[in-house]
Amino acid sequence: MRNVMKAATIESKFPLLAVEHGCIISKDADITVAFRVDLPELFTVTAVEYEAIHSAWAKAIKVLPDYTVIHKQDWFVKETYKPETDKEDMSFLSRSFERHFNERPYLNHSCFLFLTKTTKERMRMQSNFSSLCRGNIIPKEVNKDTATRFLEAVGQFERIVNDSGFISLTRLTSDEITGTESQPGLVEKYFALSLDDTTCLEDMELGADGLRIGAKKVCLHTISDVEDLPGTVGTDMRYEKLSTDRSDCRLSFAAPVGLLLSCDHVYNQYIFLVDSAENLRKFEKSARNMQSLSRYSRGNQINKEWVDKYLNEAHSFGLTSVRAHFNVMAWSEDAEELKHIRNDVGSQLALMECKPRHNTTDAATLYWAAMPGNAGDFPSEESFYTFIEPALCFFTEETNYQSSLSPFGIKMCDRVSGKPLHVD
């Protein structure tokens, strides 16, 4: 006898129920608000300004209620420059300048932010309880007051970040999330791993070779364990290539996996707001248990000291205990190129002094959880405990150069990719 396996359709496993008033509602009744994020241009931000951006994010996150997931998703997609030679009043030099850069490759950056209100039970779920693995989804009771309070907090969050003067958040409309008959939406673009305006739904496969979306083979590197982290983190770092003895050129701490990683990739950054007081009580209990078992193993004594350090930090500085996770999802249609990309991602993570961990086990679950509006499906075992401030150091805080809208200016080139720019 032969076993015939029927492939599941995306529709049968799809975790999102509806998009109403610009909010994504999942079948588990999680509510998500989506934003487009405009970041400052790279090499234009000083160390003091990076600290101000970091501080703005921290203040904004503190107004959100417990059991909220902050999911920042940065897309870096290779594109080729399309010259603007169809203008009527162009001079010979302007036309030649545009034609010279025709088809020049560059890395286009788009940034989105998803704030998801979920529940204590959902936050504890592991990868074996993802909606990918379940036959059916049983929604919880929906509390209207909880949803109202969450949306009020999101409004405050948006105001605090926008008032910082460095970052601007723009709320995505329902049509931008779901798409229209003529334009694909963000969810559709995510399933095609493409930000093009003409996308078609691809088939997904998780086989022995890893995750495949259409013709694109995906490799995933995760930062999901305290042991993978560097000894110290900061809001920014010195970029040696453009710095001198007298002048500092600064980039955000996570820039190596952002614009400095020159391949198609998505960088996902998660912060999970759990009940901080309950967390700290759990650590206190854990420390007491380790103390009582310390005579049987030196490891217990050492772990107890680490837990004490964490608790001392929390109580001394009034820090909020949270969970965090970061991953880099890179892809290519060529298997040989994917090997080079895998090495590139590993070496860029090593530049941040993180231990590169190529994740094949949870690749499909993490891809599924990174879908806009599905952060509640994130497997809890892939996250680590930290505080809001160190977790925010892993946010990328810059975008590529933008052309000025002013009619007067100078024609220049982007110093990273060589793409032409119009600068006032």
Protein backbone atom coordinates (compact mmCIF):
# COMPACT_ATOMS: atom_id res chain seq x y z
CA MET A 1 0.00 0.00 0.00
CA ARG A 2 1.14 3.54 -0.72
CA ASN A 3 0.64 6.42 1.70
CA VAL A 4 -0.83 9.40 -0.14
CA MET A 5 -0.14 12.71 1.63
CA LYS A 6 -2.40 15.65 0.86
CA ALA A 7 -0.66 19.03 0.90
CA ALA A 8 -2.33 21.55 3.20
CA THR A 9 -3.41 24.83 1.65
CA ILE A 10 -2.42 28.21 3.09
CA GLU A 11 -6.17 28.99 3.42
CA SER A 12 -6.72 26.04 5.78
CA LYS A 13 -3.90 27.12 8.12
CA PHE A 14 -4.25 30.89 7.66
CA PRO A 15 -4.24 32.50 11.14
CA LEU A 16 -5.72 35.92 10.25
CA LEU A 17 -9.47 36.44 10.39
CA ALA A 18 -10.11 40.01 9.20
CA VAL A 19 -8.77 43.54 8.87
CA GLU A 20 -11.13 46.17 10.30
CA HIS A 21 -10.50 49.90 10.85
CA GLY A 22 -6.79 49.36 10.10
CA CYS A 23 -6.48 46.61 12.77
CA ILE A 24 -5.54 43.02 11.91
CA ILE A 25 -7.68 40.52 13.87
CA SER A 26 -6.34 36.96 14.14
CA LYS A 27 -8.47 33.84 14.56
CA ASP A 28 -7.15 33.70 18.15
CA ALA A 29 -8.63 37.23 18.62
CA ASP A 30 -5.23 38.95 18.82
CA ILE A 31 -5.40 42.61 17.69
CA THR A 32 -2.53 44.10 15.66
CA VAL A 33 -1.92 47.70 14.61
CA ALA A 34 0.54 48.15 11.72
CA PHE A 35 2.76 51.15 10.95
CA ARG A 36 5.16 52.19 8.22
CA VAL A 37 8.35 53.52 9.86
CA ASP A 38 10.51 56.30 8.39
CA LEU A 39 14.00 56.22 9.90
CA PRO A 40 16.81 58.81 9.59
CA GLU A 41 19.33 58.40 6.74
CA LEU A 42 22.51 56.48 7.49
CA PHE A 43 25.70 58.41 8.41
CA THR A 44 23.58 61.46 9.38
CA VAL A 45 22.99 60.55 13.05
CA THR A 46 25.42 61.31 15.90
CA ALA A 47 26.01 59.20 19.02
CA VAL A 48 23.89 61.59 21.13
CA GLU A 49 21.02 61.39 18.62
CA TYR A 50 21.18 57.55 18.61
CA GLU A 51 20.72 57.69 22.39
CA ALA A 52 17.76 60.05 21.96
CA ILE A 53 16.13 57.64 19.44
CA HIS A 54 16.77 54.71 21.84
CA SER A 55 15.23 56.71 24.70
CA ALA A 56 12.13 57.56 22.59
CA TRP A 57 11.52 53.88 21.77
CA ALA A 58 11.94 52.93 25.47
CA LYS A 59 9.49 55.60 26.67
CA ALA A 60 6.95 54.58 24.02
CA ILE A 61 7.16 50.85 24.82
CA LYS A 62 6.55 51.51 28.53
CA VAL A 63 3.04 52.87 27.84
CA LEU A 64 1.94 49.58 26.20
CA PRO A 65 0.02 47.03 28.33
CA ASP A 66 1.35 43.61 29.41
CA TYR A 67 1.17 40.75 26.88
CA THR A 68 1.87 43.05 23.94
CA VAL A 69 4.35 42.02 21.21
CA ILE A 70 6.43 44.74 19.54
CA HIS A 71 7.52 43.39 16.15
CA LYS A 72 9.72 45.60 13.98
CA GLN A 73 10.32 44.19 10.49
CA ASP A 74 13.00 45.65 8.21
CA TRP A 75 12.96 44.60 4.54
CA PHE A 76 16.15 44.90 2.47
CA VAL A 77 15.44 43.97 -1.15
CA LYS A 78 17.82 44.24 -4.13
CA GLU A 79 16.45 46.44 -6.90
CA THR A 80 17.84 48.02 -10.07
CA TYR A 81 17.74 51.76 -10.73
CA LYS A 82 15.12 52.85 -13.28
CA PRO A 83 16.15 56.16 -14.92
CA GLU A 84 13.68 59.03 -15.15
CA THR A 85 14.24 60.08 -18.77
CA ASP A 86 10.61 60.78 -19.67
CA LYS A 87 10.54 64.36 -18.36
CA GLU A 88 10.09 66.99 -21.09
CA ASP A 89 12.40 69.74 -19.83
CA MET A 90 15.48 67.54 -19.25
CA SER A 91 18.84 68.81 -20.50
CA PHE A 92 21.27 66.63 -22.44
CA LEU A 93 23.48 66.29 -19.33
CA SER A 94 20.58 65.32 -17.05
CA ARG A 95 19.37 62.69 -19.54
CA SER A 96 22.91 61.28 -19.93
CA PHE A 97 23.35 61.23 -16.13
CA GLU A 98 20.14 59.23 -15.68
CA ARG A 99 21.01 56.83 -18.51
CA HIS A 100 24.49 56.21 -17.04
CA PHE A 101 22.93 54.67 -13.90
CA ASN A 102 20.38 52.53 -15.74
CA GLU A 103 19.98 49.05 -14.17
CA ARG A 104 22.47 49.84 -11.34
CA PRO A 105 21.72 47.45 -8.41
CA TYR A 106 21.02 48.88 -4.96
CA LEU A 107 19.48 47.70 -1.70
CA ASN A 108 16.03 49.17 -1.08
CA HIS A 109 14.93 49.44 2.56
CA SER A 110 11.37 49.43 3.92
CA CYS A 111 10.49 49.28 7.61
CA PHE A 112 7.24 48.22 9.30
CA LEU A 113 6.16 47.99 12.93
CA PHE A 114 3.42 45.70 14.28
CA LEU A 115 2.00 46.06 17.80
CA THR A 116 0.05 42.93 18.76
CA LYS A 117 -2.13 42.55 21.89
CA THR A 118 -2.28 38.90 22.85
CA THR A 119 -2.81 36.94 26.09
CA LYS A 120 -0.74 35.31 28.83
CA GLU A 121 -1.61 31.81 27.55
CA ARG A 122 -0.63 32.65 23.94
CA MET A 123 2.70 34.14 25.07
CA ARG A 124 3.63 30.82 26.71
CA MET A 125 2.93 28.70 23.62
CA GLN A 126 5.78 26.75 22.08
CA SER A 127 6.48 25.90 18.44
CA ASN A 128 4.50 22.63 18.61
CA PHE A 129 1.33 24.66 19.26
CA SER A 130 1.73 27.06 16.32
CA SER A 131 -1.32 27.47 14.07
CA LEU A 132 0.82 25.69 11.43
CA CYS A 133 0.58 22.48 13.49
CA ARG A 134 -2.98 22.71 14.80
CA GLY A 135 -5.96 21.23 13.04
CA ASN A 136 -8.33 23.96 14.24
CA ILE A 137 -8.19 27.27 16.09
CA ILE A 138 -10.44 27.94 19.09
CA PRO A 139 -10.69 31.69 19.75
CA LYS A 140 -10.75 33.05 23.30
CA GLU A 141 -13.41 35.33 24.78
CA VAL A 142 -12.90 38.89 23.53
CA ASN A 143 -12.90 41.64 26.15
CA LYS A 144 -14.00 44.96 24.64
CA ASP A 145 -12.39 47.07 27.42
CA THR A 146 -9.00 45.39 26.87
CA ALA A 147 -9.11 46.20 23.14
CA THR A 148 -10.11 49.83 23.82
CA ARG A 149 -7.32 50.33 26.38
CA PHE A 150 -4.80 48.76 23.98
CA LEU A 151 -5.78 51.08 21.11
CA GLU A 152 -5.50 54.10 23.44
CA ALA A 153 -2.00 52.96 24.47
CA VAL A 154 -1.06 52.53 20.77
CA GLY A 155 -2.13 56.14 20.15
CA GLN A 156 0.18 57.29 22.98
CA PHE A 157 2.99 55.09 21.62
CA GLU A 158 2.63 56.68 18.17
CA ARG A 159 2.64 60.24 19.62
CA ILE A 160 5.79 59.63 21.73
CA VAL A 161 7.79 58.17 18.80
CA ASN A 162 6.66 60.86 16.34
CA ASP A 163 7.44 63.64 18.84
CA SER A 164 11.08 62.42 19.06
CA GLY A 165 11.72 64.21 15.75
CA PHE A 166 13.91 61.39 14.37
CA ILE A 167 11.41 58.63 13.51
CA SER A 168 7.95 58.99 11.99
CA LEU A 169 5.25 56.32 12.23
CA THR A 170 2.43 56.24 9.64
CA ARG A 171 -0.54 53.99 10.39
CA LEU A 172 -1.24 51.51 7.57
CA THR A 173 -4.78 51.49 6.19
CA SER A 174 -6.87 48.34 5.71
CA ASP A 175 -6.24 48.46 1.92
CA GLU A 176 -2.46 48.69 2.43
CA ILE A 177 -2.58 45.58 4.64
CA THR A 178 -4.96 43.41 2.60
CA GLY A 179 -4.47 44.97 -0.85
CA THR A 180 -7.06 45.88 -3.46
CA GLU A 181 -8.03 44.34 -6.80
CA SER A 182 -5.22 46.23 -8.54
CA GLN A 183 -2.60 46.50 -5.74
CA PRO A 184 -1.20 43.71 -3.53
CA GLY A 185 -1.22 44.29 0.24
CA LEU A 186 1.52 43.80 2.81
CA VAL A 187 0.36 40.28 3.80
CA GLU A 188 0.39 39.20 0.13
CA LYS A 189 3.85 40.72 -0.38
CA TYR A 190 5.15 38.86 2.69
CA PHE A 191 3.97 35.51 1.29
CA ALA A 192 5.81 36.23 -1.97
CA LEU A 193 8.90 37.65 -0.12
CA SER A 194 8.72 40.60 -2.50
CA LEU A 195 7.74 44.26 -2.14
CA ASP A 196 6.91 44.57 -5.87
CA ASP A 197 3.49 45.87 -6.83
CA THR A 198 2.91 42.77 -8.96
CA THR A 199 3.14 39.73 -6.72
CA CYS A 200 1.59 36.29 -7.04
CA LEU A 201 1.08 33.83 -4.20
CA GLU A 202 3.87 31.26 -4.05
CA ASP A 203 3.73 27.72 -2.72
CA MET A 204 5.60 26.97 0.54
CA GLU A 205 7.66 23.90 1.31
CA LEU A 206 9.53 22.78 4.39
CA GLY A 207 11.69 19.87 3.32
CA ALA A 208 15.13 18.42 4.06
CA ASP A 209 16.69 21.39 2.27
CA GLY A 210 15.00 23.92 4.56
CA LEU A 211 12.28 26.47 3.84
CA ARG A 212 11.30 27.32 0.25
CA ILE A 213 8.89 30.08 -0.83
CA GLY A 214 8.20 29.64 -4.56
CA ALA A 215 11.64 29.49 -6.21
CA LYS A 216 13.29 31.29 -3.25
CA LYS A 217 15.29 29.18 -0.83
CA VAL A 218 15.35 30.75 2.64
CA CYS A 219 18.03 30.55 5.32
CA LEU A 220 17.34 31.78 8.85
CA HIS A 221 19.81 32.93 11.52
CA THR A 222 18.47 33.57 15.02
CA ILE A 223 19.57 35.39 18.16
CA SER A 224 17.40 33.55 20.65
CA ASP A 225 19.65 32.64 23.57
CA VAL A 226 21.55 34.71 26.13
CA GLU A 227 24.66 32.65 25.31
CA ASP A 228 24.55 33.98 21.72
CA LEU A 229 24.76 37.61 22.86
CA PRO A 230 27.83 39.87 23.12
CA GLY A 231 29.25 40.84 26.54
CA THR A 232 28.07 44.43 26.09
CA VAL A 233 25.63 46.16 23.74
CA GLY A 234 25.27 49.84 22.87
CA THR A 235 22.92 52.17 21.05
CA ASP A 236 25.53 52.74 18.30
CA MET A 237 28.98 51.73 17.09
CA ARG A 238 31.88 53.34 15.26
CA TYR A 239 31.98 52.60 11.53
CA GLU A 240 35.72 52.23 10.94
CA LYS A 241 35.68 52.51 7.12
CA LEU A 242 34.50 56.13 7.17
CA SER A 243 35.94 57.22 10.54
CA THR A 244 39.28 58.95 11.13
CA ASP A 245 41.39 59.72 14.20
CA ARG A 246 39.64 63.07 14.55
CA SER A 247 36.11 62.27 13.37
CA ASP A 248 33.66 59.56 14.31
CA CYS A 249 31.20 58.02 11.86
CA ARG A 250 28.41 56.29 13.81
CA LEU A 251 25.93 53.58 12.86
CA SER A 252 23.37 51.76 15.01
CA PHE A 253 24.59 48.64 16.80
CA ALA A 254 22.50 46.37 14.51
CA ALA A 255 23.60 48.08 11.23
CA PRO A 256 25.77 45.04 10.19
CA VAL A 257 22.57 42.99 9.61
CA GLY A 258 20.76 46.00 8.13
CA LEU A 259 22.02 48.09 5.23
CA LEU A 260 25.57 46.70 5.54
CA LEU A 261 24.34 43.19 4.63
CA SER A 262 24.08 43.36 0.84
CA CYS A 263 21.63 40.58 0.01
CA ASP A 264 17.84 40.11 -0.03
CA HIS A 265 16.84 39.75 3.61
CA VAL A 266 14.30 40.60 6.30
CA TYR A 267 15.51 41.49 9.80
CA ASN A 268 12.84 40.73 12.45
CA GLN A 269 13.08 42.30 15.90
CA TYR A 270 10.69 41.23 18.69
CA ILE A 271 10.14 42.47 22.23
CA PHE A 272 7.53 40.61 24.31
CA LEU A 273 6.01 42.54 27.21
CA VAL A 274 5.18 39.98 29.89
CA ASP A 275 4.16 40.67 33.52
CA SER A 276 7.48 42.00 34.84
CA ALA A 277 6.64 41.61 38.56
CA GLU A 278 5.58 37.97 38.02
CA ASN A 279 8.80 37.35 36.07
CA LEU A 280 10.96 38.69 38.87
CA ARG A 281 9.07 36.59 41.46
CA LYS A 282 9.73 33.52 39.30
CA PHE A 283 13.45 34.35 39.18
CA GLU A 284 13.53 34.87 42.99
CA LYS A 285 12.03 31.38 43.46
CA SER A 286 14.47 29.91 40.92
CA ALA A 287 17.43 31.52 42.75
CA ARG A 288 16.27 30.02 46.09
CA ASN A 289 16.00 26.56 44.50
CA MET A 290 19.50 26.85 43.03
CA GLN A 291 20.87 28.02 46.39
CA SER A 292 19.43 24.97 48.15
CA LEU A 293 20.90 22.64 45.47
CA SER A 294 24.28 24.43 45.26
CA ARG A 295 26.13 21.79 47.32
CA TYR A 296 25.26 19.13 44.71
CA SER A 297 26.56 21.07 41.70
CA ARG A 298 28.81 24.08 41.25
CA GLY A 299 26.70 24.96 38.14
CA ASN A 300 23.72 25.70 40.41
CA GLN A 301 25.81 28.12 42.48
CA ILE A 302 27.04 29.96 39.35
CA ASN A 303 23.54 30.14 37.85
CA LYS A 304 22.22 31.48 41.17
CA GLU A 305 24.80 34.30 41.00
CA TRP A 306 23.69 35.19 37.43
CA VAL A 307 20.01 35.24 38.45
CA ASP A 308 20.93 37.47 41.44
CA LYS A 309 22.73 39.88 39.11
CA TYR A 310 19.63 40.08 36.89
CA LEU A 311 17.37 40.70 39.89
CA ASN A 312 19.74 43.32 41.35
CA GLU A 313 19.76 45.21 38.02
CA ALA A 314 15.95 45.10 37.86
CA HIS A 315 15.42 46.34 41.42
CA SER A 316 18.31 48.87 41.53
CA PHE A 317 17.35 50.69 38.31
CA GLY A 318 13.60 49.94 38.18
CA LEU A 319 13.98 48.02 34.88
CA THR A 320 11.17 46.12 33.17
CA SER A 321 11.81 42.40 32.58
CA VAL A 322 10.88 41.40 29.02
CA ARG A 323 11.59 38.63 26.52
CA ALA A 324 13.26 39.30 23.17
CA HIS A 325 14.19 37.58 19.91
CA PHE A 326 15.93 38.68 16.69
CA ASN A 327 16.33 36.85 13.39
CA VAL A 328 17.68 37.42 9.90
CA MET A 329 15.73 35.74 7.09
CA ALA A 330 17.77 35.80 3.85
CA TRP A 331 16.88 34.18 0.53
CA SER A 332 18.06 33.48 -3.00
CA GLU A 333 16.86 31.49 -5.99
CA ASP A 334 20.37 30.09 -6.57
CA ALA A 335 21.54 27.35 -4.18
CA GLU A 336 25.22 28.29 -4.68
CA GLU A 337 24.55 31.96 -3.93
CA LEU A 338 22.61 30.95 -0.81
CA LYS A 339 25.78 29.32 0.60
CA HIS A 340 27.63 32.64 0.25
CA ILE A 341 24.66 34.52 1.76
CA ARG A 342 24.63 32.14 4.74
CA ASN A 343 28.31 32.88 5.34
CA ASP A 344 27.76 36.63 4.91
CA VAL A 345 24.93 36.70 7.47
CA GLY A 346 27.07 34.67 9.90
CA SER A 347 30.05 37.01 9.52
CA GLN A 348 27.85 40.15 9.94
CA LEU A 349 26.38 38.70 13.15
CA ALA A 350 29.94 37.95 14.30
CA LEU A 351 30.77 41.66 13.69
CA MET A 352 28.12 42.43 16.33
CA GLU A 353 29.95 39.87 18.55
CA CYS A 354 26.87 37.62 18.45
CA LYS A 355 27.22 33.88 18.02
CA PRO A 356 25.75 33.06 14.54
CA ARG A 357 23.15 30.31 14.91
CA HIS A 358 21.78 28.90 11.66
CA ASN A 359 18.28 27.72 12.58
CA THR A 360 16.75 24.92 10.50
CA THR A 361 14.48 23.41 13.17
CA ASP A 362 12.07 26.31 13.67
CA ALA A 363 12.51 28.05 10.29
CA ALA A 364 8.90 27.46 9.17
CA THR A 365 7.38 28.42 12.55
CA LEU A 366 9.44 31.63 12.72
CA TYR A 367 8.54 32.53 9.11
CA TRP A 368 4.85 31.94 9.97
CA ALA A 369 5.06 34.03 13.19
CA ALA A 370 6.72 36.95 11.31
CA MET A 371 3.62 37.32 9.12
CA PRO A 372 2.04 40.77 9.68
CA GLY A 373 -0.45 40.36 12.53
CA ASN A 374 0.63 36.86 13.62
CA ALA A 375 3.23 37.69 16.30
CA GLY A 376 1.00 35.96 18.89
CA ASP A 377 2.00 32.67 17.21
CA PHE A 378 5.66 33.15 18.13
CA PRO A 379 7.24 30.06 19.82
CA SER A 380 8.20 31.15 23.36
CA GLU A 381 11.23 28.82 23.58
CA GLU A 382 12.96 30.90 20.87
CA SER A 383 13.13 34.01 23.10
CA PHE A 384 15.39 35.05 26.00
CA TYR A 385 14.88 37.21 29.11
CA THR A 386 16.37 40.70 29.14
CA PHE A 387 15.32 44.31 29.82
CA ILE A 388 13.73 46.85 27.43
CA GLU A 389 16.89 49.01 27.11
CA PRO A 390 19.39 46.29 26.03
CA ALA A 391 16.78 44.71 23.72
CA LEU A 392 16.28 48.04 21.89
CA CYS A 393 20.00 48.15 21.04
CA PHE A 394 19.27 45.43 18.46
CA PHE A 395 16.84 47.70 16.54
CA THR A 396 18.21 49.06 13.25
CA GLU A 397 17.84 52.83 13.35
CA GLU A 398 18.77 54.04 9.85
CA THR A 399 17.55 53.82 6.26
CA ASN A 400 19.25 54.48 2.90
CA TYR A 401 19.69 57.95 1.40
CA GLN A 402 16.56 59.63 0.00
CA SER A 403 16.41 62.09 -2.90
CA SER A 404 15.26 65.60 -1.97
CA LEU A 405 11.89 66.86 -3.31
CA SER A 406 13.36 70.34 -3.81
CA PRO A 407 13.64 71.45 -7.48
CA PHE A 408 17.05 73.01 -6.73
CA GLY A 409 20.01 70.79 -5.82
CA ILE A 410 23.10 68.82 -6.78
CA LYS A 411 23.22 65.38 -8.41
CA MET A 412 25.21 62.97 -6.25
CA CYS A 413 25.67 59.23 -5.61
CA ASP A 414 24.81 57.07 -2.60
CA ARG A 415 28.18 56.17 -1.04
CA VAL A 416 27.08 52.60 -0.22
CA SER A 417 25.43 51.44 -3.47
CA GLY A 418 26.31 54.15 -6.02
CA LYS A 419 22.64 54.91 -6.72
CA PRO A 420 22.07 58.51 -8.00
CA LEU A 421 20.55 61.08 -5.63
CA HIS A 422 19.22 64.61 -5.86
CA VAL A 423 20.43 66.58 -2.81
CA ASP A 424 19.33 70.11 -1.93
